[in-house]
C-alpha atoms as a PDB file:
ATOM      1  CA  UNK A   1     156.539-361.359  10.947  1.00  0.00           C
ATOM      2  CA  UNK A   2     159.349-361.022   8.417  1.00  0.00           C
ATOM      3  CA  UNK A   3     158.994-361.101   4.652  1.00  0.00           C
ATOM      4  CA  UNK A   4     162.331-362.267   3.254  1.00  0.00           C
ATOM      5  CA  UNK A   5     161.096-361.786  -0.319  1.00  0.00           C
ATOM      6  CA  UNK A   6     160.360-358.110   0.251  1.00  0.00           C
ATOM      7  CA  UNK A   7     162.658-355.513  -1.285  1.00  0.00           C
ATOM      8  CA  UNK A   8     162.087-353.214   1.713  1.00  0.00           C
ATOM      9  CA  UNK A   9     164.625-353.610   4.491  1.00  0.00           C
ATOM     10  CA  UNK A  10     162.266-353.135   7.444  1.00  0.00           C
ATOM     11  CA  UNK A  11     159.935-355.824   6.100  1.00  0.00           C
ATOM     12  CA  UNK A  12     162.795-358.329   6.304  1.00  0.00           C
ATOM     13  CA  UNK A  13     163.443-357.633   9.967  1.00  0.00           C
ATOM     14  CA  UNK A  14     162.084-360.014  12.570  1.00  0.00           C
ATOM     15  CA  UNK A  15     159.160-358.790  14.634  1.00  0.00           C
ATOM     16  CA  UNK A  16     155.417-358.507  14.559  1.00  0.00           C
ATOM     17  CA  UNK A  17     154.016-356.897  11.430  1.00  0.00           C
ATOM     18  CA  UNK A  18     151.588-354.405  12.913  1.00  0.00           C
ATOM     19  CA  UNK A  19     150.345-350.853  12.753  1.00  0.00           C
ATOM     20  CA  UNK A  20     152.228-350.142  15.973  1.00  0.00           C
ATOM     21  CA  UNK A  21     155.502-351.296  14.426  1.00  0.00           C
ATOM     22  CA  UNK A  22     154.916-349.154  11.346  1.00  0.00           C
ATOM     23  CA  UNK A  23     154.145-346.134  13.530  1.00  0.00           C
ATOM     24  CA  UNK A  24     157.374-346.724  15.415  1.00  0.00           C
ATOM     25  CA  UNK A  25     159.404-346.710  12.201  1.00  0.00           C
ATOM     26  CA  UNK A  26     157.632-343.612  10.886  1.00  0.00           C
ATOM     27  CA  UNK A  27     158.132-341.663  14.117  1.00  0.00           C
ATOM     28  CA  UNK A  28     161.715-342.867  14.422  1.00  0.00           C
ATOM     29  CA  UNK A  29     162.694-341.672  10.968  1.00  0.00           C
ATOM     30  CA  UNK A  30     160.913-338.343  11.430  1.00  0.00           C
ATOM     31  CA  UNK A  31     163.014-337.774  14.552  1.00  0.00           C
ATOM     32  CA  UNK A  32     166.164-338.965  12.789  1.00  0.00           C
ATOM     33  CA  UNK A  33     165.613-336.348  10.070  1.00  0.00           C
ATOM     34  CA  UNK A  34     165.165-333.722  12.780  1.00  0.00           C
ATOM     35  CA  UNK A  35     168.379-334.822  14.462  1.00  0.00           C
ATOM     36  CA  UNK A  36     170.308-334.730  11.181  1.00  0.00           C
ATOM     37  CA  UNK A  37     168.939-331.224  10.565  1.00  0.00           C
ATOM     38  CA  UNK A  38     171.118-330.052  13.447  1.00  0.00           C
ATOM     39  CA  UNK A  39     174.200-330.663  11.292  1.00  0.00           C
ATOM     40  CA  UNK A  40     174.421-327.211   9.719  1.00  0.00           C
ATOM     41  CA  UNK A  41     177.100-325.572   7.585  1.00  0.00           C
ATOM     42  CA  UNK A  42     176.054-322.004   6.647  1.00  0.00           C
ATOM     43  CA  UNK A  43     177.009-320.675   3.231  1.00  0.00           C
ATOM     44  CA  UNK A  44     177.599-316.920   2.840  1.00  0.00           C
ATOM     45  CA  UNK A  45     175.987-316.532  -0.601  1.00  0.00           C
ATOM     46  CA  UNK A  46     172.699-318.353   0.040  1.00  0.00           C
ATOM     47  CA  UNK A  47     170.072-318.583   2.797  1.00  0.00           C
ATOM     48  CA  UNK A  48     170.130-322.368   2.404  1.00  0.00           C
ATOM     49  CA  UNK A  49     172.730-324.111   4.594  1.00  0.00           C
ATOM     50  CA  UNK A  50     174.260-327.507   4.033  1.00  0.00           C
ATOM     51  CA  UNK A  51     172.516-329.894   6.447  1.00  0.00           C
ATOM     52  CA  UNK A  52     172.126-333.593   7.118  1.00  0.00           C
ATOM     53  CA  UNK A  53     168.381-333.590   6.444  1.00  0.00           C
ATOM     54  CA  UNK A  54     168.511-335.036   2.952  1.00  0.00           C
ATOM     55  CA  UNK A  55     170.417-338.040   4.287  1.00  0.00           C
ATOM     56  CA  UNK A  56     167.432-338.771   6.541  1.00  0.00           C
ATOM     57  CA  UNK A  57     164.975-338.293   3.688  1.00  0.00           C
ATOM     58  CA  UNK A  58     166.790-340.621   1.284  1.00  0.00           C
ATOM     59  CA  UNK A  59     167.441-343.204   3.988  1.00  0.00           C
ATOM     60  CA  UNK A  60     163.772-343.171   4.998  1.00  0.00           C
ATOM     61  CA  UNK A  61     162.649-344.018   1.481  1.00  0.00           C
ATOM     62  CA  UNK A  62     165.328-346.681   0.982  1.00  0.00           C
ATOM     63  CA  UNK A  63     164.688-348.419   4.322  1.00  0.00           C
ATOM     64  CA  UNK A  64     160.943-347.918   4.877  1.00  0.00           C
ATOM     65  CA  UNK A  65     159.471-348.058   1.388  1.00  0.00           C
ATOM     66  CA  UNK A  66     157.119-345.575  -0.232  1.00  0.00           C
ATOM     67  CA  UNK A  67     154.211-345.322   2.219  1.00  0.00           C
ATOM     68  CA  UNK A  68     156.157-345.269   5.474  1.00  0.00           C
ATOM     69  CA  UNK A  69     158.933-343.156   3.936  1.00  0.00           C
ATOM     70  CA  UNK A  70     156.392-340.566   2.779  1.00  0.00           C
ATOM     71  CA  UNK A  71     154.635-340.545   6.145  1.00  0.00           C
ATOM     72  CA  UNK A  72     157.878-340.184   8.110  1.00  0.00           C
ATOM     73  CA  UNK A  73     158.772-337.008   6.247  1.00  0.00           C
ATOM     74  CA  UNK A  74     155.233-335.634   6.353  1.00  0.00           C
ATOM     75  CA  UNK A  75     155.353-336.162  10.119  1.00  0.00           C
ATOM     76  CA  UNK A  76     158.720-334.386  10.235  1.00  0.00           C
ATOM     77  CA  UNK A  77     157.159-331.309   8.609  1.00  0.00           C
ATOM     78  CA  UNK A  78     154.193-331.489  10.972  1.00  0.00           C
ATOM     79  CA  UNK A  79     156.517-331.658  13.984  1.00  0.00           C
ATOM     80  CA  UNK A  80     158.275-328.489  12.866  1.00  0.00           C
ATOM     81  CA  UNK A  81     155.004-326.711  12.118  1.00  0.00           C
ATOM     82  CA  UNK A  82     153.754-327.596  15.616  1.00  0.00           C
ATOM     83  CA  UNK A  83     156.775-326.006  17.252  1.00  0.00           C
ATOM     84  CA  UNK A  84     159.220-328.831  17.830  1.00  0.00           C
ATOM     85  CA  UNK A  85     162.854-327.740  17.202  1.00  0.00           C
ATOM     86  CA  UNK A  86     163.426-330.144  14.311  1.00  0.00           C
ATOM     87  CA  UNK A  87     164.389-327.756  11.525  1.00  0.00           C
ATOM     88  CA  UNK A  88     167.971-326.734  10.731  1.00  0.00           C
ATOM     89  CA  UNK A  89     169.786-325.272  13.703  1.00  0.00           C
ATOM     90  CA  UNK A  90     167.144-326.333  16.221  1.00  0.00           C
ATOM     91  CA  UNK A  91     164.683-323.733  15.003  1.00  0.00           C
ATOM     92  CA  UNK A  92     160.982-324.220  14.510  1.00  0.00           C
ATOM     93  CA  UNK A  93     157.715-322.603  13.447  1.00  0.00           C
ATOM     94  CA  UNK A  94     155.609-322.601  10.354  1.00  0.00           C
ATOM     95  CA  UNK A  95     157.756-319.786   8.904  1.00  0.00           C
ATOM     96  CA  UNK A  96     160.262-322.345   7.587  1.00  0.00           C
ATOM     97  CA  UNK A  97     157.512-323.875   5.498  1.00  0.00           C
ATOM     98  CA  UNK A  98     156.959-320.627   3.610  1.00  0.00           C
ATOM     99  CA  UNK A  99     160.494-319.149   3.738  1.00  0.00           C
ATOM    100  CA  UNK A 100     163.518-319.543   1.449  1.00  0.00           C
ATOM    101  CA  UNK A 101     164.017-323.235   2.286  1.00  0.00           C
ATOM    102  CA  UNK A 102     160.351-324.197   1.899  1.00  0.00           C
ATOM    103  CA  UNK A 103     160.823-325.757  -1.534  1.00  0.00           C
ATOM    104  CA  UNK A 104     163.257-328.281  -0.122  1.00  0.00           C
ATOM    105  CA  UNK A 105     161.159-329.043   2.946  1.00  0.00           C
ATOM    106  CA  UNK A 106     157.903-329.611   1.065  1.00  0.00           C
ATOM    107  CA  UNK A 107     159.660-331.959  -1.350  1.00  0.00           C
ATOM    108  CA  UNK A 108     160.846-334.318   1.412  1.00  0.00           C
ATOM    109  CA  UNK A 109     157.746-336.555   1.642  1.00  0.00           C
ATOM    110  CA  UNK A 110     157.513-336.933  -2.135  1.00  0.00           C
ATOM    111  CA  UNK A 111     161.246-337.620  -2.490  1.00  0.00           C
ATOM    112  CA  UNK A 112     161.142-340.289   0.228  1.00  0.00           C
ATOM    113  CA  UNK A 113     158.045-341.770  -1.385  1.00  0.00           C
ATOM    114  CA  UNK A 114     159.755-341.869  -4.790  1.00  0.00           C
ATOM    115  CA  UNK A 115     162.886-343.570  -3.450  1.00  0.00           C
ATOM    116  CA  UNK A 116     160.720-346.014  -1.503  1.00  0.00           C
ATOM    117  CA  UNK A 117     158.580-346.797  -4.545  1.00  0.00           C
ATOM    118  CA  UNK A 118     161.682-347.637  -6.562  1.00  0.00           C
ATOM    119  CA  UNK A 119     163.120-349.675  -3.683  1.00  0.00           C
ATOM    120  CA  UNK A 120     159.912-351.722  -3.507  1.00  0.00           C
ATOM    121  CA  UNK A 121     160.355-352.576  -7.174  1.00  0.00           C
ATOM    122  CA  UNK A 122     163.814-354.020  -6.648  1.00  0.00           C
ATOM    123  CA  UNK A 123     166.161-351.018  -6.711  1.00  0.00           C
ATOM    124  CA  UNK A 124     167.190-351.802  -3.135  1.00  0.00           C
ATOM    125  CA  UNK A 125     168.722-355.137  -4.183  1.00  0.00           C
ATOM    126  CA  UNK A 126     171.590-353.742  -6.279  1.00  0.00           C
ATOM    127  CA  UNK A 127     173.976-350.901  -5.487  1.00  0.00           C
ATOM    128  CA  UNK A 128     173.740-349.158  -8.858  1.00  0.00           C
ATOM    129  CA  UNK A 129     169.950-349.369  -8.994  1.00  0.00           C
ATOM    130  CA  UNK A 130     169.687-348.063  -5.449  1.00  0.00           C
ATOM    131  CA  UNK A 131     172.101-345.254  -6.313  1.00  0.00           C
ATOM    132  CA  UNK A 132     169.969-344.385  -9.340  1.00  0.00           C
ATOM    133  CA  UNK A 133     166.837-344.219  -7.207  1.00  0.00           C
ATOM    134  CA  UNK A 134     168.619-341.994  -4.699  1.00  0.00           C
ATOM    135  CA  UNK A 135     169.881-339.691  -7.442  1.00  0.00           C
ATOM    136  CA  UNK A 136     166.303-339.238  -8.664  1.00  0.00           C
ATOM    137  CA  UNK A 137     165.050-338.509  -5.143  1.00  0.00           C
ATOM    138  CA  UNK A 138     167.870-336.078  -4.433  1.00  0.00           C
ATOM    139  CA  UNK A 139     167.480-334.325  -7.788  1.00  0.00           C
ATOM    140  CA  UNK A 140     163.792-333.853  -7.029  1.00  0.00           C
ATOM    141  CA  UNK A 141     164.670-332.173  -3.700  1.00  0.00           C
ATOM    142  CA  UNK A 142     167.314-329.908  -5.229  1.00  0.00           C
ATOM    143  CA  UNK A 143     165.173-328.898  -8.198  1.00  0.00           C
ATOM    144  CA  UNK A 144     162.143-328.188  -6.011  1.00  0.00           C
ATOM    145  CA  UNK A 145     164.270-326.103  -3.667  1.00  0.00           C
ATOM    146  CA  UNK A 146     165.955-324.234  -6.505  1.00  0.00           C
ATOM    147  CA  UNK A 147     162.658-323.494  -8.236  1.00  0.00           C
ATOM    148  CA  UNK A 148     161.242-322.157  -4.971  1.00  0.00           C
ATOM    149  CA  UNK A 149     164.319-319.965  -4.420  1.00  0.00           C
ATOM    150  CA  UNK A 150     164.007-318.591  -7.939  1.00  0.00           C
ATOM    151  CA  UNK A 151     160.379-317.647  -7.334  1.00  0.00           C
ATOM    152  CA  UNK A 152     160.957-316.428  -3.751  1.00  0.00           C
ATOM    153  CA  UNK A 153     163.798-314.071  -4.669  1.00  0.00           C
ATOM    154  CA  UNK A 154     162.697-313.415  -8.275  1.00  0.00           C
ATOM    155  CA  UNK A 155     166.130-314.740  -9.242  1.00  0.00           C
ATOM    156  CA  UNK A 156     167.373-315.616 -12.701  1.00  0.00           C
ATOM    157  CA  UNK A 157     167.764-319.374 -13.320  1.00  0.00           C
ATOM    158  CA  UNK A 158     171.587-319.287 -13.112  1.00  0.00           C
ATOM    159  CA  UNK A 159     171.519-317.300  -9.876  1.00  0.00           C
ATOM    160  CA  UNK A 160     168.999-319.741  -8.398  1.00  0.00           C
ATOM    161  CA  UNK A 161     171.240-322.691  -9.355  1.00  0.00           C
ATOM    162  CA  UNK A 162     174.225-321.033  -7.667  1.00  0.00           C
ATOM    163  CA  UNK A 163     172.150-320.437  -4.532  1.00  0.00           C
ATOM    164  CA  UNK A 164     170.215-323.659  -4.338  1.00  0.00           C
ATOM    165  CA  UNK A 165     171.645-326.450  -6.470  1.00  0.00           C
ATOM    166  CA  UNK A 166     175.378-326.447  -7.144  1.00  0.00           C
ATOM    167  CA  UNK A 167     176.601-325.970  -3.534  1.00  0.00           C
ATOM    168  CA  UNK A 168     174.951-329.201  -2.413  1.00  0.00           C
ATOM    169  CA  UNK A 169     176.094-331.624  -5.105  1.00  0.00           C
ATOM    170  CA  UNK A 170     179.252-332.937  -3.425  1.00  0.00           C
ATOM    171  CA  UNK A 171     177.636-333.439  -0.014  1.00  0.00           C
ATOM    172  CA  UNK A 172     174.591-335.076  -1.543  1.00  0.00           C
ATOM    173  CA  UNK A 173     176.792-337.366  -3.642  1.00  0.00           C
ATOM    174  CA  UNK A 174     178.429-338.601  -0.431  1.00  0.00           C
ATOM    175  CA  UNK A 175     174.983-339.248   1.105  1.00  0.00           C
ATOM    176  CA  UNK A 176     173.894-341.143  -2.006  1.00  0.00           C
ATOM    177  CA  UNK A 177     177.016-343.308  -1.955  1.00  0.00           C
ATOM    178  CA  UNK A 178     176.610-344.104   1.742  1.00  0.00           C
ATOM    179  CA  UNK A 179     172.934-345.079   1.490  1.00  0.00           C
ATOM    180  CA  UNK A 180     173.329-346.682  -1.950  1.00  0.00           C
ATOM    181  CA  UNK A 181     176.088-349.011  -0.800  1.00  0.00           C
ATOM    182  CA  UNK A 182     174.773-349.785   2.684  1.00  0.00           C
ATOM    183  CA  UNK A 183     171.093-350.605   2.104  1.00  0.00           C
ATOM    184  CA  UNK A 184     171.529-353.269  -0.635  1.00  0.00           C
ATOM    185  CA  UNK A 185     174.301-354.954   1.338  1.00  0.00           C
ATOM    186  CA  UNK A 186     172.265-355.004   4.533  1.00  0.00           C
ATOM    187  CA  UNK A 187     169.229-356.313   2.692  1.00  0.00           C
ATOM    188  CA  UNK A 188     171.218-359.051   0.970  1.00  0.00           C
ATOM    189  CA  UNK A 189     173.149-360.047   4.080  1.00  0.00           C
ATOM    190  CA  UNK A 190     170.091-360.116   6.308  1.00  0.00           C
ATOM    191  CA  UNK A 191     168.025-362.071   3.790  1.00  0.00           C
ATOM    192  CA  UNK A 192     170.751-364.697   3.346  1.00  0.00           C
ATOM    193  CA  UNK A 193     171.276-364.985   7.102  1.00  0.00           C
ATOM    194  CA  UNK A 194     167.570-365.505   7.787  1.00  0.00           C
ATOM    195  CA  UNK A 195     167.253-368.026   4.962  1.00  0.00           C
ATOM    196  CA  UNK A 196     170.229-369.989   6.270  1.00  0.00           C
ATOM    197  CA  UNK A 197     168.768-369.906   9.775  1.00  0.00           C
ATOM    198  CA  UNK A 198     165.406-371.089   8.475  1.00  0.00           C
END
């Protein structure tokens, strides 16, 4: 059952509203994040590579809403901890969840939940509001990761920013623009199409 008044894209899609459908979306986005993690660009001055993961995290929140977005990323972390090759470069094990990139990884469920919470309150209807929500979610990821790096390596704040924050700004801006433009347009187009059909 579709809810054309919802601000969450998946709720506007036709189909039975059920626990099974929600599970499908949650599992699907956890696997999408794992697939995007295989896009890896190593950087010589930091143990944190550029990856596609944050695109999956932000998209999950924007498309699924807070609860399902949070659960999709929590499931992603659980998949990696259980040994599935879903972390960057096809690697796995619980070590990633306590290593240099742990601050980023642990922030994923909360960041997706934050973006989803804002989307549910109407941010998904307008490009600039959606972009603002995505900026907040992305900033949370980068700051959590940078803070963890600072503590992990006992690094000074500026060194931690050079290792964990600044290198990712341009790539993350592109992700924000892509999600921020696409989701509101899809939501508006789909809602109008279904209303016209009804």
